[in-house]
Amino acid sequence: MPLLPMLILLATTATTPGGAIEATIRGTNQPLEVELLLRNPSDDWDEVEHQSLPAGERRVRFEGLASGIYQLRLHGSVPTEQLGTKIAIGNGDVR
């Protein structure tokens, strides 16, 4: 049975130029692919950054982000193992 990962922490911060998204992932110890997508004016998603997490690593951070609507999407080893969540980053946001 595939294990669906779970995001337990998402944060936007203003500690770096632009915003940042940091996530901690629980629910699986398998390697994961992590995509950060940005919604464009046509309401489609453009990939901003991609990270591959090895089996033991469960934290990811994306920095220097402009304001906008982002989607953090995780992919496991089989096509049905996917999880995504939307995050809004505004100018000067601190959360």
PDB file of N, CA and C in Angstrom:
ATOM      1  N   MET A   1       0.853  -1.179   0.000  1.00  0.00           N
ATOM      2  CA  MET A   1       0.000   0.000   0.000  1.00  0.00           C
ATOM      3  C   MET A   1       0.897   1.240   0.000  1.00  0.00           C
ATOM      4  N   PRO A   2       0.690   2.182  -0.928  1.00  0.00           N
ATOM      5  CA  PRO A   2       1.512   3.382  -0.979  1.00  0.00           C
ATOM      6  C   PRO A   2       1.286   4.251   0.252  1.00  0.00           C
ATOM      7  N   LEU A   3       2.348   4.881   0.694  1.00  0.00           N
ATOM      8  CA  LEU A   3       2.253   5.814   1.810  1.00  0.00           C
ATOM      9  C   LEU A   3       2.159   7.220   1.256  1.00  0.00           C
ATOM     10  N   LEU A   4       1.129   7.942   1.632  1.00  0.00           N
ATOM     11  CA  LEU A   4       0.968   9.314   1.172  1.00  0.00           C
ATOM     12  C   LEU A   4       1.654  10.242   2.166  1.00  0.00           C
ATOM     13  N   PRO A   5       2.612  11.015   1.727  1.00  0.00           N
ATOM     14  CA  PRO A   5       3.288  11.918   2.651  1.00  0.00           C
ATOM     15  C   PRO A   5       2.357  13.012   3.142  1.00  0.00           C
ATOM     16  N   MET A   6       2.709  13.599   4.253  1.00  0.00           N
ATOM     17  CA  MET A   6       1.905  14.658   4.838  1.00  0.00           C
ATOM     18  C   MET A   6       2.812  15.839   5.150  1.00  0.00           C
ATOM     19  N   LEU A   7       2.422  17.019   4.725  1.00  0.00           N
ATOM     20  CA  LEU A   7       3.131  18.239   5.081  1.00  0.00           C
ATOM     21  C   LEU A   7       2.650  18.677   6.445  1.00  0.00           C
ATOM     22  N   ILE A   8       3.570  18.911   7.370  1.00  0.00           N
ATOM     23  CA  ILE A   8       3.121  19.314   8.695  1.00  0.00           C
ATOM     24  C   ILE A   8       3.450  20.759   9.027  1.00  0.00           C
ATOM     25  N   LEU A   9       4.291  21.401   8.228  1.00  0.00           N
ATOM     26  CA  LEU A   9       4.631  22.778   8.534  1.00  0.00           C
ATOM     27  C   LEU A   9       4.906  23.514   7.247  1.00  0.00           C
ATOM     28  N   LEU A  10       4.220  24.601   7.046  1.00  0.00           N
ATOM     29  CA  LEU A  10       4.516  25.494   5.936  1.00  0.00           C
ATOM     30  C   LEU A  10       4.644  26.884   6.512  1.00  0.00           C
ATOM     31  N   ALA A  11       5.622  27.621   6.068  1.00  0.00           N
ATOM     32  CA  ALA A  11       5.799  28.953   6.610  1.00  0.00           C
ATOM     33  C   ALA A  11       6.310  29.878   5.524  1.00  0.00           C
ATOM     34  N   THR A  12       5.863  31.113   5.566  1.00  0.00           N
ATOM     35  CA  THR A  12       6.458  32.146   4.745  1.00  0.00           C
ATOM     36  C   THR A  12       7.148  33.097   5.702  1.00  0.00           C
ATOM     37  N   THR A  13       8.325  33.527   5.336  1.00  0.00           N
ATOM     38  CA  THR A  13       9.073  34.411   6.221  1.00  0.00           C
ATOM     39  C   THR A  13       9.658  35.545   5.415  1.00  0.00           C
ATOM     40  N   ALA A  14      10.041  36.583   6.107  1.00  0.00           N
ATOM     41  CA  ALA A  14      10.681  37.708   5.455  1.00  0.00           C
ATOM     42  C   ALA A  14      12.127  37.836   5.928  1.00  0.00           C
ATOM     43  N   THR A  15      12.755  36.744   6.331  1.00  0.00           N
ATOM     44  CA  THR A  15      14.123  36.793   6.830  1.00  0.00           C
ATOM     45  C   THR A  15      15.141  36.819   5.698  1.00  0.00           C
ATOM     46  N   THR A  16      14.725  36.538   4.480  1.00  0.00           N
ATOM     47  CA  THR A  16      15.616  36.608   3.321  1.00  0.00           C
ATOM     48  C   THR A  16      14.986  37.575   2.334  1.00  0.00           C
ATOM     49  N   PRO A  17      15.784  38.113   1.386  1.00  0.00           N
ATOM     50  CA  PRO A  17      15.165  38.964   0.363  1.00  0.00           C
ATOM     51  C   PRO A  17      14.074  38.178  -0.358  1.00  0.00           C
ATOM     52  N   GLY A  18      12.900  38.738  -0.438  1.00  0.00           N
ATOM     53  CA  GLY A  18      11.756  37.996  -0.955  1.00  0.00           C
ATOM     54  C   GLY A  18      11.215  37.115   0.154  1.00  0.00           C
ATOM     55  N   GLY A  19      10.336  36.211  -0.194  1.00  0.00           N
ATOM     56  CA  GLY A  19       9.751  35.315   0.796  1.00  0.00           C
ATOM     57  C   GLY A  19      10.442  33.963   0.780  1.00  0.00           C
ATOM     58  N   ALA A  20      10.045  33.124   1.730  1.00  0.00           N
ATOM     59  CA  ALA A  20      10.586  31.768   1.803  1.00  0.00           C
ATOM     60  C   ALA A  20       9.466  30.814   2.186  1.00  0.00           C
ATOM     61  N   ILE A  21       9.546  29.607   1.705  1.00  0.00           N
ATOM     62  CA  ILE A  21       8.628  28.537   2.086  1.00  0.00           C
ATOM     63  C   ILE A  21       9.480  27.414   2.649  1.00  0.00           C
ATOM     64  N   GLU A  22       9.114  26.972   3.841  1.00  0.00           N
ATOM     65  CA  GLU A  22       9.816  25.864   4.484  1.00  0.00           C
ATOM     66  C   GLU A  22       8.788  24.811   4.850  1.00  0.00           C
ATOM     67  N   ALA A  23       9.083  23.554   4.562  1.00  0.00           N
ATOM     68  CA  ALA A  23       8.135  22.476   4.846  1.00  0.00           C
ATOM     69  C   ALA A  23       8.859  21.312   5.511  1.00  0.00           C
ATOM     70  N   THR A  24       8.177  20.679   6.454  1.00  0.00           N
ATOM     71  CA  THR A  24       8.616  19.434   7.057  1.00  0.00           C
ATOM     72  C   THR A  24       7.611  18.371   6.649  1.00  0.00           C
ATOM     73  N   ILE A  25       8.092  17.230   6.206  1.00  0.00           N
ATOM     74  CA  ILE A  25       7.248  16.184   5.641  1.00  0.00           C
ATOM     75  C   ILE A  25       7.260  14.966   6.552  1.00  0.00           C
ATOM     76  N   ARG A  26       6.082  14.432   6.834  1.00  0.00           N
ATOM     77  CA  ARG A  26       5.951  13.212   7.627  1.00  0.00           C
ATOM     78  C   ARG A  26       5.074  12.221   6.888  1.00  0.00           C
ATOM     79  N   GLY A  27       5.197  10.945   7.252  1.00  0.00           N
ATOM     80  CA  GLY A  27       4.306   9.938   6.700  1.00  0.00           C
ATOM     81  C   GLY A  27       4.994   8.927   5.811  1.00  0.00           C
ATOM     82  N   THR A  28       6.237   9.202   5.449  1.00  0.00           N
ATOM     83  CA  THR A  28       6.985   8.258   4.620  1.00  0.00           C
ATOM     84  C   THR A  28       8.470   8.483   4.822  1.00  0.00           C
ATOM     85  N   ASN A  29       9.238   7.425   4.656  1.00  0.00           N
ATOM     86  CA  ASN A  29      10.697   7.538   4.682  1.00  0.00           C
ATOM     87  C   ASN A  29      11.286   7.290   3.303  1.00  0.00           C
ATOM     88  N   GLN A  30      10.431   7.250   2.298  1.00  0.00           N
ATOM     89  CA  GLN A  30      10.880   7.006   0.928  1.00  0.00           C
ATOM     90  C   GLN A  30      11.425   8.290   0.315  1.00  0.00           C
ATOM     91  N   PRO A  31      12.262   8.159  -0.715  1.00  0.00           N
ATOM     92  CA  PRO A  31      12.711   9.351  -1.442  1.00  0.00           C
ATOM     93  C   PRO A  31      11.510  10.082  -2.055  1.00  0.00           C
ATOM     94  N   LEU A  32      11.588  11.401  -2.134  1.00  0.00           N
ATOM     95  CA  LEU A  32      10.504  12.218  -2.678  1.00  0.00           C
ATOM     96  C   LEU A  32      11.047  13.234  -3.667  1.00  0.00           C
ATOM     97  N   GLU A  33      10.222  13.579  -4.617  1.00  0.00           N
ATOM     98  CA  GLU A  33      10.480  14.695  -5.522  1.00  0.00           C
ATOM     99  C   GLU A  33       9.592  15.852  -5.055  1.00  0.00           C
ATOM    100  N   VAL A  34      10.173  17.035  -4.919  1.00  0.00           N
ATOM    101  CA  VAL A  34       9.443  18.205  -4.442  1.00  0.00           C
ATOM    102  C   VAL A  34       9.513  19.281  -5.513  1.00  0.00           C
ATOM    103  N   GLU A  35       8.349  19.732  -5.954  1.00  0.00           N
ATOM    104  CA  GLU A  35       8.263  20.796  -6.952  1.00  0.00           C
ATOM    105  C   GLU A  35       7.649  22.034  -6.313  1.00  0.00           C
ATOM    106  N   LEU A  36       8.208  23.191  -6.621  1.00  0.00           N
ATOM    107  CA  LEU A  36       7.593  24.454  -6.247  1.00  0.00           C
ATOM    108  C   LEU A  36       7.089  25.089  -7.530  1.00  0.00           C
ATOM    109  N   LEU A  37       5.778  25.326  -7.576  1.00  0.00           N
ATOM    110  CA  LEU A  37       5.130  25.892  -8.760  1.00  0.00           C
ATOM    111  C   LEU A  37       4.568  27.264  -8.435  1.00  0.00           C
ATOM    112  N   LEU A  38       4.540  28.156  -9.408  1.00  0.00           N
ATOM    113  CA  LEU A  38       3.980  29.502  -9.258  1.00  0.00           C
ATOM    114  C   LEU A  38       2.831  29.661 -10.247  1.00  0.00           C
ATOM    115  N   ARG A  39       1.691  30.154  -9.751  1.00  0.00           N
ATOM    116  CA  ARG A  39       0.545  30.389 -10.638  1.00  0.00           C
ATOM    117  C   ARG A  39       0.829  31.596 -11.515  1.00  0.00           C
ATOM    118  N   ASN A  40       0.624  31.423 -12.822  1.00  0.00           N
ATOM    119  CA  ASN A  40       0.872  32.520 -13.759  1.00  0.00           C
ATOM    120  C   ASN A  40      -0.440  33.251 -14.063  1.00  0.00           C
ATOM    121  N   PRO A  41      -0.396  34.355 -14.807  1.00  0.00           N
ATOM    122  CA  PRO A  41      -1.615  35.117 -15.097  1.00  0.00           C
ATOM    123  C   PRO A  41      -2.703  34.331 -15.833  1.00  0.00           C
ATOM    124  N   SER A  42      -2.348  33.235 -16.503  1.00  0.00           N
ATOM    125  CA  SER A  42      -3.341  32.400 -17.199  1.00  0.00           C
ATOM    126  C   SER A  42      -3.931  31.329 -16.297  1.00  0.00           C
ATOM    127  N   ASP A  43      -3.648  31.390 -14.988  1.00  0.00           N
ATOM    128  CA  ASP A  43      -4.090  30.399 -14.000  1.00  0.00           C
ATOM    129  C   ASP A  43      -3.504  29.015 -14.233  1.00  0.00           C
ATOM    130  N   ASP A  44      -2.376  28.946 -14.922  1.00  0.00           N
ATOM    131  CA  ASP A  44      -1.619  27.709 -15.055  1.00  0.00           C
ATOM    132  C   ASP A  44      -0.471  27.756 -14.052  1.00  0.00           C
ATOM    133  N   TRP A  45       0.235  26.643 -13.895  1.00  0.00           N
ATOM    134  CA  TRP A  45       1.337  26.553 -12.935  1.00  0.00           C
ATOM    135  C   TRP A  45       2.659  26.427 -13.674  1.00  0.00           C
ATOM    136  N   ASP A  46       3.636  27.244 -13.294  1.00  0.00           N
ATOM    137  CA  ASP A  46       4.988  27.195 -13.836  1.00  0.00           C
ATOM    138  C   ASP A  46       5.932  26.706 -12.740  1.00  0.00           C
ATOM    139  N   GLU A  47       6.805  25.753 -13.082  1.00  0.00           N
ATOM    140  CA  GLU A  47       7.753  25.264 -12.085  1.00  0.00           C
ATOM    141  C   GLU A  47       8.818  26.325 -11.825  1.00  0.00           C
ATOM    142  N   VAL A  48       9.023  26.626 -10.542  1.00  0.00           N
ATOM    143  CA  VAL A  48      10.019  27.594 -10.112  1.00  0.00           C
ATOM    144  C   VAL A  48      11.297  26.875  -9.685  1.00  0.00           C
ATOM    145  N   GLU A  49      11.133  25.789  -8.957  1.00  0.00           N
ATOM    146  CA  GLU A  49      12.281  25.047  -8.447  1.00  0.00           C
ATOM    147  C   GLU A  49      11.877  23.601  -8.204  1.00  0.00           C
ATOM    148  N   HIS A  50      12.867  22.716  -8.214  1.00  0.00           N
ATOM    149  CA  HIS A  50      12.641  21.291  -8.013  1.00  0.00           C
ATOM    150  C   HIS A  50      13.761  20.754  -7.127  1.00  0.00           C
ATOM    151  N   GLN A  51      13.394  19.936  -6.130  1.00  0.00           N
ATOM    152  CA  GLN A  51      14.396  19.299  -5.279  1.00  0.00           C
ATOM    153  C   GLN A  51      14.069  17.822  -5.146  1.00  0.00           C
ATOM    154  N   SER A  52      15.111  17.000  -5.111  1.00  0.00           N
ATOM    155  CA  SER A  52      14.969  15.575  -4.834  1.00  0.00           C
ATOM    156  C   SER A  52      15.418  15.342  -3.400  1.00  0.00           C
ATOM    157  N   LEU A  53      14.538  14.756  -2.582  1.00  0.00           N
ATOM    158  CA  LEU A  53      14.883  14.471  -1.192  1.00  0.00           C
ATOM    159  C   LEU A  53      15.224  12.994  -1.048  1.00  0.00           C
ATOM    160  N   PRO A  54      16.396  12.666  -0.508  1.00  0.00           N
ATOM    161  CA  PRO A  54      16.706  11.263  -0.247  1.00  0.00           C
ATOM    162  C   PRO A  54      15.833  10.721   0.879  1.00  0.00           C
ATOM    163  N   ALA A  55      15.869   9.423   1.082  1.00  0.00           N
ATOM    164  CA  ALA A  55      14.973   8.755   2.035  1.00  0.00           C
ATOM    165  C   ALA A  55      15.025   9.346   3.438  1.00  0.00           C
ATOM    166  N   GLY A  56      16.157   9.743   3.940  1.00  0.00           N
ATOM    167  CA  GLY A  56      16.242  10.231   5.320  1.00  0.00           C
ATOM    168  C   GLY A  56      15.971  11.709   5.507  1.00  0.00           C
ATOM    169  N   GLU A  57      15.910  12.487   4.448  1.00  0.00           N
ATOM    170  CA  GLU A  57      15.741  13.935   4.570  1.00  0.00           C
ATOM    171  C   GLU A  57      14.265  14.309   4.478  1.00  0.00           C
ATOM    172  N   ARG A  58      13.778  15.109   5.402  1.00  0.00           N
ATOM    173  CA  ARG A  58      12.351  15.450   5.453  1.00  0.00           C
ATOM    174  C   ARG A  58      12.075  16.942   5.556  1.00  0.00           C
ATOM    175  N   ARG A  59      13.064  17.777   5.318  1.00  0.00           N
ATOM    176  CA  ARG A  59      12.852  19.225   5.346  1.00  0.00           C
ATOM    177  C   ARG A  59      13.260  19.815   4.002  1.00  0.00           C
ATOM    178  N   VAL A  60      12.486  20.808   3.584  1.00  0.00           N
ATOM    179  CA  VAL A  60      12.781  21.485   2.323  1.00  0.00           C
ATOM    180  C   VAL A  60      12.550  22.980   2.526  1.00  0.00           C
ATOM    181  N   ARG A  61      13.349  23.808   1.867  1.00  0.00           N
ATOM    182  CA  ARG A  61      13.210  25.260   1.989  1.00  0.00           C
ATOM    183  C   ARG A  61      13.481  25.894   0.627  1.00  0.00           C
ATOM    184  N   PHE A  62      12.613  26.830   0.263  1.00  0.00           N
ATOM    185  CA  PHE A  62      12.758  27.603  -0.963  1.00  0.00           C
ATOM    186  C   PHE A  62      12.827  29.069  -0.546  1.00  0.00           C
ATOM    187  N   GLU A  63      13.841  29.804  -1.005  1.00  0.00           N
ATOM    188  CA  GLU A  63      14.057  31.189  -0.574  1.00  0.00           C
ATOM    189  C   GLU A  63      14.051  32.152  -1.757  1.00  0.00           C
ATOM    190  N   GLY A  64      13.978  33.446  -1.430  1.00  0.00           N
ATOM    191  CA  GLY A  64      14.053  34.490  -2.443  1.00  0.00           C
ATOM    192  C   GLY A  64      12.853  34.524  -3.372  1.00  0.00           C
ATOM    193  N   LEU A  65      11.672  34.220  -2.830  1.00  0.00           N
ATOM    194  CA  LEU A  65      10.459  34.123  -3.651  1.00  0.00           C
ATOM    195  C   LEU A  65       9.736  35.461  -3.742  1.00  0.00           C
ATOM    196  N   ALA A  66       9.278  35.785  -4.931  1.00  0.00           N
ATOM    197  CA  ALA A  66       8.455  36.979  -5.138  1.00  0.00           C
ATOM    198  C   ALA A  66       7.050  36.710  -4.616  1.00  0.00           C
ATOM    199  N   SER A  67       6.260  37.758  -4.422  1.00  0.00           N
ATOM    200  CA  SER A  67       4.879  37.554  -3.994  1.00  0.00           C
ATOM    201  C   SER A  67       4.110  36.826  -5.085  1.00  0.00           C
ATOM    202  N   GLY A  68       3.135  36.014  -4.679  1.00  0.00           N
ATOM    203  CA  GLY A  68       2.332  35.255  -5.626  1.00  0.00           C
ATOM    204  C   GLY A  68       1.693  34.056  -4.959  1.00  0.00           C
ATOM    205  N   ILE A  69       1.011  33.253  -5.760  1.00  0.00           N
ATOM    206  CA  ILE A  69       0.375  32.018  -5.291  1.00  0.00           C
ATOM    207  C   ILE A  69       1.257  30.860  -5.732  1.00  0.00           C
ATOM    208  N   TYR A  70       1.717  30.092  -4.767  1.00  0.00           N
ATOM    209  CA  TYR A  70       2.608  28.962  -5.026  1.00  0.00           C
ATOM    210  C   TYR A  70       1.897  27.657  -4.689  1.00  0.00           C
ATOM    211  N   GLN A  71       2.378  26.586  -5.307  1.00  0.00           N
ATOM    212  CA  GLN A  71       1.936  25.247  -4.966  1.00  0.00           C
ATOM    213  C   GLN A  71       3.188  24.428  -4.660  1.00  0.00           C
ATOM    214  N   LEU A  72       3.178  23.766  -3.523  1.00  0.00           N
ATOM    215  CA  LEU A  72       4.236  22.838  -3.168  1.00  0.00           C
ATOM    216  C   LEU A  72       3.688  21.446  -3.433  1.00  0.00           C
ATOM    217  N   ARG A  73       4.330  20.705  -4.347  1.00  0.00           N
ATOM    218  CA  ARG A  73       3.808  19.405  -4.753  1.00  0.00           C
ATOM    219  C   ARG A  73       4.871  18.334  -4.513  1.00  0.00           C
ATOM    220  N   LEU A  74       4.456  17.247  -3.842  1.00  0.00           N
ATOM    221  CA  LEU A  74       5.329  16.117  -3.542  1.00  0.00           C
ATOM    222  C   LEU A  74       4.947  14.942  -4.419  1.00  0.00           C
ATOM    223  N   HIS A  75       5.952  14.192  -4.862  1.00  0.00           N
ATOM    224  CA  HIS A  75       5.741  12.980  -5.658  1.00  0.00           C
ATOM    225  C   HIS A  75       6.517  11.852  -5.002  1.00  0.00           C
ATOM    226  N   GLY A  76       5.837  10.720  -4.780  1.00  0.00           N
ATOM    227  CA  GLY A  76       6.493   9.519  -4.288  1.00  0.00           C
ATOM    228  C   GLY A  76       6.962   8.656  -5.439  1.00  0.00           C
ATOM    229  N   SER A  77       7.211   7.377  -5.137  1.00  0.00           N
ATOM    230  CA  SER A  77       7.782   6.478  -6.144  1.00  0.00           C
ATOM    231  C   SER A  77       6.754   5.935  -7.134  1.00  0.00           C
ATOM    232  N   VAL A  78       5.462   6.016  -6.814  1.00  0.00           N
ATOM    233  CA  VAL A  78       4.432   5.559  -7.758  1.00  0.00           C
ATOM    234  C   VAL A  78       3.531   6.743  -8.118  1.00  0.00           C
ATOM    235  N   PRO A  79       2.905   6.736  -9.296  1.00  0.00           N
ATOM    236  CA  PRO A  79       2.121   7.892  -9.752  1.00  0.00           C
ATOM    237  C   PRO A  79       0.999   8.322  -8.807  1.00  0.00           C
ATOM    238  N   THR A  80       0.433   7.406  -8.032  1.00  0.00           N
ATOM    239  CA  THR A  80      -0.666   7.782  -7.139  1.00  0.00           C
ATOM    240  C   THR A  80      -0.186   8.456  -5.862  1.00  0.00           C
ATOM    241  N   GLU A  81       1.113   8.489  -5.612  1.00  0.00           N
ATOM    242  CA  GLU A  81       1.651   9.139  -4.416  1.00  0.00           C
ATOM    243  C   GLU A  81       1.973  10.594  -4.732  1.00  0.00           C
ATOM    244  N   GLN A  82       0.971  11.448  -4.566  1.00  0.00           N
ATOM    245  CA  GLN A  82       1.134  12.875  -4.799  1.00  0.00           C
ATOM    246  C   GLN A  82       0.387  13.641  -3.719  1.00  0.00           C
ATOM    247  N   LEU A  83       0.938  14.774  -3.362  1.00  0.00           N
ATOM    248  CA  LEU A  83       0.289  15.671  -2.410  1.00  0.00           C
ATOM    249  C   LEU A  83       0.681  17.089  -2.783  1.00  0.00           C
ATOM    250  N   GLY A  84      -0.277  17.984  -2.800  1.00  0.00           N
ATOM    251  CA  GLY A  84       0.010  19.379  -3.114  1.00  0.00           C
ATOM    252  C   GLY A  84      -0.750  20.300  -2.181  1.00  0.00           C
ATOM    253  N   THR A  85      -0.177  21.458  -1.950  1.00  0.00           N
ATOM    254  CA  THR A  85      -0.851  22.481  -1.156  1.00  0.00           C
ATOM    255  C   THR A  85      -0.478  23.855  -1.696  1.00  0.00           C
ATOM    256  N   LYS A  86      -1.418  24.794  -1.614  1.00  0.00           N
ATOM    257  CA  LYS A  86      -1.189  26.155  -2.104  1.00  0.00           C
ATOM    258  C   LYS A  86      -0.745  27.044  -0.950  1.00  0.00           C
ATOM    259  N   ILE A  87       0.148  27.975  -1.270  1.00  0.00           N
ATOM    260  CA  ILE A  87       0.660  28.935  -0.299  1.00  0.00           C
ATOM    261  C   ILE A  87       0.687  30.303  -0.970  1.00  0.00           C
ATOM    262  N   ALA A  88       0.131  31.307  -0.325  1.00  0.00           N
ATOM    263  CA  ALA A  88       0.173  32.675  -0.846  1.00  0.00           C
ATOM    264  C   ALA A  88       1.277  33.443  -0.129  1.00  0.00           C
ATOM    265  N   ILE A  89       2.077  34.152  -0.894  1.00  0.00           N
ATOM    266  CA  ILE A  89       3.130  35.003  -0.338  1.00  0.00           C
ATOM    267  C   ILE A  89       2.867  36.417  -0.817  1.00  0.00           C
ATOM    268  N   GLY A  90       2.737  37.332   0.134  1.00  0.00           N
ATOM    269  CA  GLY A  90       2.515  38.743  -0.194  1.00  0.00           C
ATOM    270  C   GLY A  90       3.731  39.569   0.146  1.00  0.00           C
ATOM    271  N   ASN A  91       3.789  40.783  -0.364  1.00  0.00           N
ATOM    272  CA  ASN A  91       4.903  41.693  -0.045  1.00  0.00           C
ATOM    273  C   ASN A  91       4.925  41.971   1.443  1.00  0.00           C
ATOM    274  N   GLY A  92       6.057  41.745   2.086  1.00  0.00           N
ATOM    275  CA  GLY A  92       6.212  42.034   3.502  1.00  0.00           C
ATOM    276  C   GLY A  92       5.542  41.048   4.431  1.00  0.00           C
ATOM    277  N   ASP A  93       5.064  39.904   3.931  1.00  0.00           N
ATOM    278  CA  ASP A  93       4.430  38.890   4.783  1.00  0.00           C
ATOM    279  C   ASP A  93       5.419  38.294   5.776  1.00  0.00           C
ATOM    280  N   VAL A  94       4.969  38.130   6.997  1.00  0.00           N
ATOM    281  CA  VAL A  94       5.691  37.354   8.002  1.00  0.00           C
ATOM    282  C   VAL A  94       4.662  36.484   8.687  1.00  0.00           C
ATOM    283  N   ARG A  95       4.812  35.161   8.597  1.00  0.00           N
ATOM    284  CA  ARG A  95       3.860  34.236   9.232  1.00  0.00           C
ATOM    285  C   ARG A  95       4.626  33.150   9.958  1.00  0.00           C
TER     286      ARG A  95
END
